[in-house]
Amino acid sequence: MKSILQSIACLMVLILSSGTIMAQNVTELTPSKNNTLYESAEGDLCNGTGDYIFAGVTKNGDIRRALLQFDLSEIPEGSQIESAELKLVMNMTIAGTKNMTPHEVLTAWGEGSSDAIGQEGAGAEATPGDATWVHTLYPDQNWSSTGGDFNDTVISSADVDANGSYTWASTPEFVSLIQKWLESPEDNFGLILIGDESETTTAKRFSSRHNPNEGDRPILRIEYTAETTSTDIFAERPDRIELHQNYPNPFNPTTTISFSLPEASFAEIAVYDMLGRKLQSVLNERVQAGKHSVAFDASTLSSGVYMYILQTENQQLTRRFTVLK
């Protein structure tokens, strides 16, 4: 036991003397912009602010390609990308299982104010700054090749079938691309999703960043290792699990709930009535060590006193708040 403690002590000394350690982090990003390239000779169709993006081929033989770009600025410079995966929610198709692949876009493009009507499959009239089949920025800046300028390299692959959530898993190519964008933000022009273009009737519709259901919007999930000073790590990492009093309290209709974790753990924050009936889950996911906060909207609750409970892998903490309407 003594030798083990001595080894740990020596390791701590080495870490502290080096001044830096590597901290594991996870971030989930929604697109900073997205659009759909609707095949047309005139290049006058797109859907910049629509609820949906499309990829594949329609029953009439027209190609659709989805564009997505993500802002990586919240990832610290010098970080090492460990994994990257793309999640999209598909919500309309008449096709069976089709393979779909994201690729690196090679040219800057735009998202204008176009907004298609109905199911949005036919697109809308392009507006200034939109990306179209012909244009990077409508009406006077063009792709080098119609249909978008992109790298042929497949960075990930997924078979998309019926309605639901689909994930393009992390690959060495995907990680390498995100690392490149982190180190050279000027090269980050985003991704283009290519569906099965070998036949007709393969198109799939996905929720866009403008979709009213926030949980269905595209997500780029990145795990990275960030270099930080050892003094920062030990100063910021809590030494125990804490659930703080929400603020403001009483409130109507929104408040913020804060909590602290000394190490990464599954965490759920849920709201209960005073009879112990669960009303709503505010947070339910694996969370990194540190201090965190989540917003809670009590619009659906009546005035009164409620409990909110933090449940981790090995501890449960409870506090109360008051809704006043």
Protein backbone atom coordinates (compact mmCIF):
# COMPACT_ATOMS: atom_id res chain seq x y z
CA MET A 1 0.00 0.00 0.00
CA LYS A 2 2.81 2.39 0.86
CA SER A 3 4.49 1.86 -2.50
CA ILE A 4 1.20 2.52 -4.33
CA LEU A 5 0.69 5.77 -2.44
CA GLN A 6 4.27 6.80 -3.15
CA SER A 7 3.74 6.13 -6.87
CA ILE A 8 0.59 8.22 -6.92
CA ALA A 9 2.36 11.03 -5.09
CA CYS A 10 5.22 10.95 -7.60
CA LEU A 11 2.76 11.07 -10.49
CA MET A 12 1.00 14.09 -9.00
CA VAL A 13 4.31 15.87 -8.60
CA LEU A 14 5.17 15.21 -12.23
CA ILE A 15 1.81 16.51 -13.40
CA LEU A 16 2.01 19.64 -11.28
CA SER A 17 5.60 20.35 -12.23
CA SER A 18 4.85 19.97 -15.93
CA GLY A 19 2.21 22.68 -15.68
CA THR A 20 -0.14 21.08 -18.22
CA ILE A 21 -2.35 18.03 -18.51
CA MET A 22 -4.71 16.80 -21.18
CA ALA A 23 -8.44 17.04 -20.39
CA GLN A 24 -11.06 14.99 -22.24
CA ASN A 25 -14.06 16.96 -23.51
CA VAL A 26 -17.20 16.43 -25.57
CA THR A 27 -19.11 19.05 -27.56
CA GLU A 28 -22.29 18.74 -29.61
CA LEU A 29 -22.68 21.34 -32.35
CA THR A 30 -25.70 22.27 -34.45
CA PRO A 31 -24.98 23.66 -37.92
CA SER A 32 -24.11 27.32 -38.34
CA LYS A 33 -25.83 27.04 -41.74
CA ASN A 34 -27.38 24.42 -44.01
CA ASN A 35 -29.09 24.24 -47.39
CA THR A 36 -30.16 21.84 -50.14
CA LEU A 37 -28.87 21.77 -53.70
CA TYR A 38 -31.88 21.06 -55.94
CA GLU A 39 -30.77 19.90 -59.39
CA SER A 40 -31.87 22.39 -62.04
CA ALA A 41 -30.22 23.83 -65.13
CA GLU A 42 -31.02 27.39 -64.09
CA GLY A 43 -29.81 26.96 -60.51
CA ASP A 44 -32.70 28.96 -59.09
CA LEU A 45 -33.97 26.56 -56.40
CA CYS A 46 -32.90 26.06 -52.78
CA ASN A 47 -34.27 26.02 -49.22
CA GLY A 48 -32.03 28.10 -46.97
CA THR A 49 -34.33 28.56 -43.98
CA GLY A 50 -36.64 25.60 -44.51
CA ASP A 51 -37.39 22.96 -41.90
CA TYR A 52 -35.78 20.22 -43.99
CA ILE A 53 -32.77 19.26 -46.09
CA PHE A 54 -32.70 16.51 -48.73
CA ALA A 55 -30.31 13.99 -50.29
CA GLY A 56 -30.82 11.38 -53.00
CA VAL A 57 -32.81 11.31 -56.24
CA THR A 58 -36.51 12.07 -56.66
CA LYS A 59 -38.93 9.87 -58.61
CA ASN A 60 -38.56 12.38 -61.48
CA GLY A 61 -34.81 11.82 -61.57
CA ASP A 62 -33.73 15.12 -59.99
CA ILE A 63 -30.77 14.99 -57.59
CA ARG A 64 -30.82 16.50 -54.10
CA ARG A 65 -27.70 17.14 -52.00
CA ALA A 66 -27.64 18.48 -48.43
CA LEU A 67 -25.08 21.03 -47.24
CA LEU A 68 -24.12 21.50 -43.58
CA GLN A 69 -21.44 23.65 -41.96
CA PHE A 70 -20.41 23.68 -38.29
CA ASP A 71 -18.57 26.36 -36.34
CA LEU A 72 -15.71 24.78 -34.37
CA SER A 73 -14.63 27.95 -32.57
CA GLU A 74 -15.67 26.68 -29.13
CA ILE A 75 -13.02 23.94 -29.32
CA PRO A 76 -9.76 25.36 -27.90
CA GLU A 77 -6.82 25.85 -30.22
CA GLY A 78 -4.27 23.07 -29.94
CA SER A 79 -6.86 20.43 -29.07
CA GLN A 80 -6.53 16.89 -30.38
CA ILE A 81 -9.69 15.53 -32.02
CA GLU A 82 -10.42 12.00 -30.76
CA SER A 83 -13.70 11.20 -32.50
CA ALA A 84 -16.39 12.84 -34.64
CA GLU A 85 -19.83 11.65 -35.63
CA LEU A 86 -22.79 13.20 -37.43
CA LYS A 87 -26.39 12.60 -36.35
CA LEU A 88 -29.39 13.40 -38.55
CA VAL A 89 -33.09 12.69 -38.11
CA MET A 90 -34.79 11.38 -41.27
CA ASN A 91 -38.53 11.96 -41.39
CA MET A 92 -39.81 11.27 -44.92
CA THR A 93 -38.97 8.85 -47.73
CA ILE A 94 -40.57 6.47 -50.22
CA ALA A 95 -37.30 4.57 -50.67
CA GLY A 96 -35.98 1.53 -48.86
CA THR A 97 -32.52 1.24 -47.36
CA LYS A 98 -30.05 3.53 -49.11
CA ASN A 99 -26.41 4.21 -48.36
CA MET A 100 -25.53 7.85 -47.81
CA THR A 101 -22.11 9.45 -47.39
CA PRO A 102 -20.85 12.87 -46.20
CA HIS A 103 -17.94 14.52 -48.03
CA GLU A 104 -15.79 17.60 -47.50
CA VAL A 105 -17.02 20.72 -49.32
CA LEU A 106 -14.20 22.62 -51.03
CA THR A 107 -15.78 26.03 -51.66
CA ALA A 108 -17.55 28.62 -49.51
CA TRP A 109 -21.34 28.66 -49.94
CA GLY A 110 -24.34 30.47 -48.52
CA GLU A 111 -27.65 30.12 -46.75
CA GLY A 112 -30.13 32.75 -47.88
CA SER A 113 -33.70 33.44 -46.81
CA SER A 114 -35.42 30.98 -49.17
CA ASP A 115 -38.09 28.83 -47.50
CA ALA A 116 -39.91 26.10 -49.44
CA ILE A 117 -43.60 25.43 -48.84
CA GLY A 118 -45.44 22.17 -48.20
CA GLN A 119 -43.20 19.12 -47.83
CA GLU A 120 -40.34 21.27 -49.25
CA GLY A 121 -39.21 18.64 -51.76
CA ALA A 122 -39.55 20.99 -54.73
CA GLY A 123 -37.50 23.78 -53.15
CA ALA A 124 -38.15 27.51 -53.25
CA GLU A 125 -37.05 30.41 -55.42
CA ALA A 126 -33.45 31.27 -54.59
CA THR A 127 -32.71 34.47 -52.70
CA PRO A 128 -29.46 36.48 -52.66
CA GLY A 129 -26.70 34.56 -50.89
CA ASP A 130 -28.27 31.12 -51.34
CA ALA A 131 -26.34 28.05 -52.47
CA THR A 132 -28.02 26.37 -55.47
CA TRP A 133 -27.15 23.61 -57.93
CA VAL A 134 -25.23 26.18 -59.98
CA HIS A 135 -24.34 28.88 -57.46
CA THR A 136 -22.27 29.05 -54.31
CA LEU A 137 -23.83 32.46 -53.65
CA TYR A 138 -26.88 33.25 -55.76
CA PRO A 139 -27.07 34.93 -58.24
CA ASP A 140 -23.52 35.69 -59.39
CA GLN A 141 -20.99 33.30 -57.76
CA ASN A 142 -20.81 29.76 -59.07
CA TRP A 143 -19.46 26.35 -58.17
CA SER A 144 -16.59 25.12 -60.32
CA SER A 145 -18.79 22.11 -61.05
CA THR A 146 -22.59 22.15 -60.96
CA GLY A 147 -23.92 20.23 -57.99
CA GLY A 148 -21.21 21.47 -55.64
CA ASP A 149 -17.44 21.29 -55.26
CA PHE A 150 -16.53 18.46 -52.90
CA ASN A 151 -13.88 15.86 -52.19
CA ASP A 152 -14.64 12.35 -53.45
CA THR A 153 -13.22 10.83 -50.26
CA VAL A 154 -15.93 9.19 -48.15
CA ILE A 155 -15.45 10.25 -44.52
CA SER A 156 -18.20 8.02 -43.11
CA SER A 157 -21.12 5.91 -44.29
CA ALA A 158 -24.58 4.97 -43.05
CA ASP A 159 -27.50 2.96 -44.42
CA VAL A 160 -30.66 5.03 -44.07
CA ASP A 161 -33.97 3.15 -44.09
CA ALA A 162 -37.24 4.13 -42.40
CA ASN A 163 -37.96 7.28 -40.41
CA GLY A 164 -35.69 7.74 -37.40
CA SER A 165 -32.32 8.94 -36.17
CA TYR A 166 -29.15 7.94 -38.02
CA THR A 167 -25.50 8.33 -37.09
CA TRP A 168 -22.49 8.56 -39.38
CA ALA A 169 -19.87 7.03 -37.11
CA SER A 170 -16.39 8.32 -36.37
CA THR A 171 -13.67 7.18 -38.78
CA PRO A 172 -10.00 8.14 -39.21
CA GLU A 173 -11.02 10.22 -42.24
CA PHE A 174 -13.72 12.03 -40.27
CA VAL A 175 -11.35 12.76 -37.37
CA SER A 176 -8.64 13.95 -39.74
CA LEU A 177 -11.05 16.35 -41.44
CA ILE A 178 -12.25 17.90 -38.17
CA GLN A 179 -8.63 18.26 -37.01
CA LYS A 180 -7.79 20.00 -40.27
CA TRP A 181 -10.69 22.44 -39.83
CA LEU A 182 -9.69 23.14 -36.24
CA GLU A 183 -6.14 23.99 -37.25
CA SER A 184 -7.17 25.87 -40.43
CA PRO A 185 -10.65 27.40 -39.93
CA GLU A 186 -10.36 29.13 -43.29
CA ASP A 187 -10.63 25.67 -44.93
CA ASN A 188 -13.86 24.77 -43.16
CA PHE A 189 -16.60 24.83 -45.80
CA GLY A 190 -18.61 22.06 -44.20
CA LEU A 191 -20.06 18.78 -45.44
CA ILE A 192 -22.22 17.68 -48.33
CA LEU A 193 -24.42 14.61 -47.87
CA ILE A 194 -24.62 12.44 -50.99
CA GLY A 195 -27.37 9.85 -51.31
CA ASP A 196 -27.78 6.95 -53.74
CA GLU A 197 -27.66 8.69 -57.12
CA SER A 198 -27.50 5.51 -59.21
CA GLU A 199 -31.28 5.33 -59.70
CA THR A 200 -34.47 7.30 -59.16
CA THR A 201 -36.67 7.37 -56.05
CA THR A 202 -33.87 7.28 -53.46
CA ALA A 203 -34.38 10.69 -51.86
CA LYS A 204 -34.54 11.09 -48.08
CA ARG A 205 -35.71 14.13 -46.10
CA PHE A 206 -33.90 15.19 -42.92
CA SER A 207 -34.63 17.84 -40.30
CA SER A 208 -32.61 21.02 -40.77
CA ARG A 209 -31.13 23.42 -38.24
CA HIS A 210 -34.32 25.49 -38.57
CA ASN A 211 -36.65 22.61 -37.70
CA PRO A 212 -39.06 23.65 -34.91
CA ASN A 213 -38.29 20.42 -33.04
CA GLU A 214 -34.88 21.23 -31.55
CA GLY A 215 -34.22 17.58 -30.70
CA ASP A 216 -34.39 16.65 -34.40
CA ARG A 217 -31.83 19.17 -35.62
CA PRO A 218 -28.47 17.96 -37.00
CA ILE A 219 -25.72 17.34 -34.46
CA LEU A 220 -21.96 17.04 -34.95
CA ARG A 221 -20.63 15.31 -31.82
CA ILE A 222 -16.89 15.78 -31.25
CA GLU A 223 -14.68 14.30 -28.55
CA TYR A 224 -11.40 16.12 -28.10
CA THR A 225 -8.47 16.37 -25.73
CA ALA A 226 -7.61 19.91 -24.72
CA GLU A 227 -4.33 20.97 -23.14
CA THR A 228 -4.82 23.02 -20.01
CA THR A 229 -2.76 24.01 -17.01
CA SER A 230 -2.81 21.67 -14.03
CA THR A 231 -3.66 24.55 -11.69
CA ASP A 232 -6.76 25.33 -13.76
CA ILE A 233 -7.90 21.71 -13.65
CA PHE A 234 -7.58 21.36 -9.89
CA ALA A 235 -9.11 24.78 -9.25
CA GLU A 236 -12.15 24.20 -11.44
CA ARG A 237 -12.95 20.54 -10.73
CA PRO A 238 -15.44 20.20 -7.84
CA ASP A 239 -14.50 17.87 -4.99
CA ARG A 240 -18.03 16.48 -4.56
CA ILE A 241 -21.41 16.17 -6.25
CA GLU A 242 -23.54 19.26 -5.64
CA LEU A 243 -27.04 20.33 -6.66
CA HIS A 244 -27.45 24.08 -6.29
CA GLN A 245 -30.58 26.10 -5.65
CA ASN A 246 -32.16 27.20 -8.88
CA TYR A 247 -32.15 30.90 -9.81
CA PRO A 248 -34.40 32.77 -9.89
CA ASN A 249 -36.68 31.20 -7.32
CA PRO A 250 -39.67 31.68 -7.22
CA PHE A 251 -39.93 32.07 -11.00
CA ASN A 252 -42.23 32.26 -14.02
CA PRO A 253 -41.77 30.60 -16.40
CA THR A 254 -38.01 29.88 -16.69
CA THR A 255 -35.18 29.24 -14.24
CA THR A 256 -31.65 27.84 -14.27
CA ILE A 257 -30.61 24.71 -12.38
CA SER A 258 -26.88 24.30 -11.66
CA PHE A 259 -24.93 21.27 -10.46
CA SER A 260 -21.34 20.09 -10.06
CA LEU A 261 -19.64 16.74 -10.66
CA PRO A 262 -16.14 15.76 -9.50
CA GLU A 263 -15.83 13.23 -12.32
CA ALA A 264 -17.63 12.25 -15.52
CA SER A 265 -20.89 10.46 -14.80
CA PHE A 266 -24.36 9.73 -16.10
CA ALA A 267 -26.66 12.43 -14.75
CA GLU A 268 -30.40 12.97 -14.79
CA ILE A 269 -32.22 16.03 -13.52
CA ALA A 270 -35.97 15.54 -13.30
CA VAL A 271 -38.87 17.57 -11.91
CA TYR A 272 -41.45 15.94 -9.59
CA ASP A 273 -44.63 17.09 -7.90
CA MET A 274 -44.89 16.91 -4.12
CA LEU A 275 -46.53 13.47 -4.39
CA GLY A 276 -43.36 12.13 -5.98
CA ARG A 277 -44.74 11.85 -9.51
CA LYS A 278 -42.17 12.49 -12.22
CA LEU A 279 -43.30 15.33 -14.48
CA GLN A 280 -40.37 16.10 -16.76
CA SER A 281 -36.77 15.11 -17.39
CA VAL A 282 -34.62 18.24 -17.85
CA LEU A 283 -31.31 16.44 -18.43
CA ASN A 284 -30.55 12.76 -19.09
CA GLU A 285 -27.08 12.04 -20.44
CA ARG A 286 -23.42 11.40 -19.59
CA VAL A 287 -21.82 14.63 -18.36
CA GLN A 288 -18.17 15.61 -18.00
CA ALA A 289 -16.64 16.63 -14.67
CA GLY A 290 -17.13 20.26 -13.73
CA LYS A 291 -19.84 22.82 -13.13
CA HIS A 292 -22.93 22.70 -15.33
CA SER A 293 -26.28 24.44 -15.70
CA VAL A 294 -29.52 23.66 -17.52
CA ALA A 295 -32.55 25.81 -18.24
CA PHE A 296 -36.01 24.70 -17.16
CA ASP A 297 -39.27 26.03 -18.60
CA ALA A 298 -42.29 25.63 -16.31
CA SER A 299 -44.84 26.91 -18.84
CA THR A 300 -46.86 23.70 -18.54
CA LEU A 301 -46.88 23.69 -14.73
CA SER A 302 -49.37 25.31 -12.39
CA SER A 303 -48.34 27.57 -9.53
CA GLY A 304 -46.95 25.61 -6.61
CA VAL A 305 -43.96 23.94 -5.01
CA TYR A 306 -42.09 21.19 -6.87
CA MET A 307 -39.01 19.05 -6.33
CA TYR A 308 -36.08 18.68 -8.69
CA ILE A 309 -33.76 15.70 -8.25
CA LEU A 310 -30.22 15.11 -9.50
CA GLN A 311 -29.57 11.38 -9.96
CA THR A 312 -26.00 10.27 -10.77
CA GLU A 313 -24.50 6.81 -10.94
CA ASN A 314 -24.04 6.67 -7.16
CA GLN A 315 -25.89 9.57 -5.54
CA GLN A 316 -29.23 11.36 -5.45
CA LEU A 317 -29.76 14.98 -4.36
CA THR A 318 -33.05 16.86 -4.02
CA ARG A 319 -34.09 20.51 -3.84
CA ARG A 320 -37.36 22.42 -4.19
CA PHE A 321 -38.49 25.38 -6.25
CA THR A 322 -41.65 27.48 -6.47
CA VAL A 323 -43.57 28.38 -9.62
CA LEU A 324 -45.58 31.58 -9.39
CA LYS A 325 -48.09 32.49 -12.11
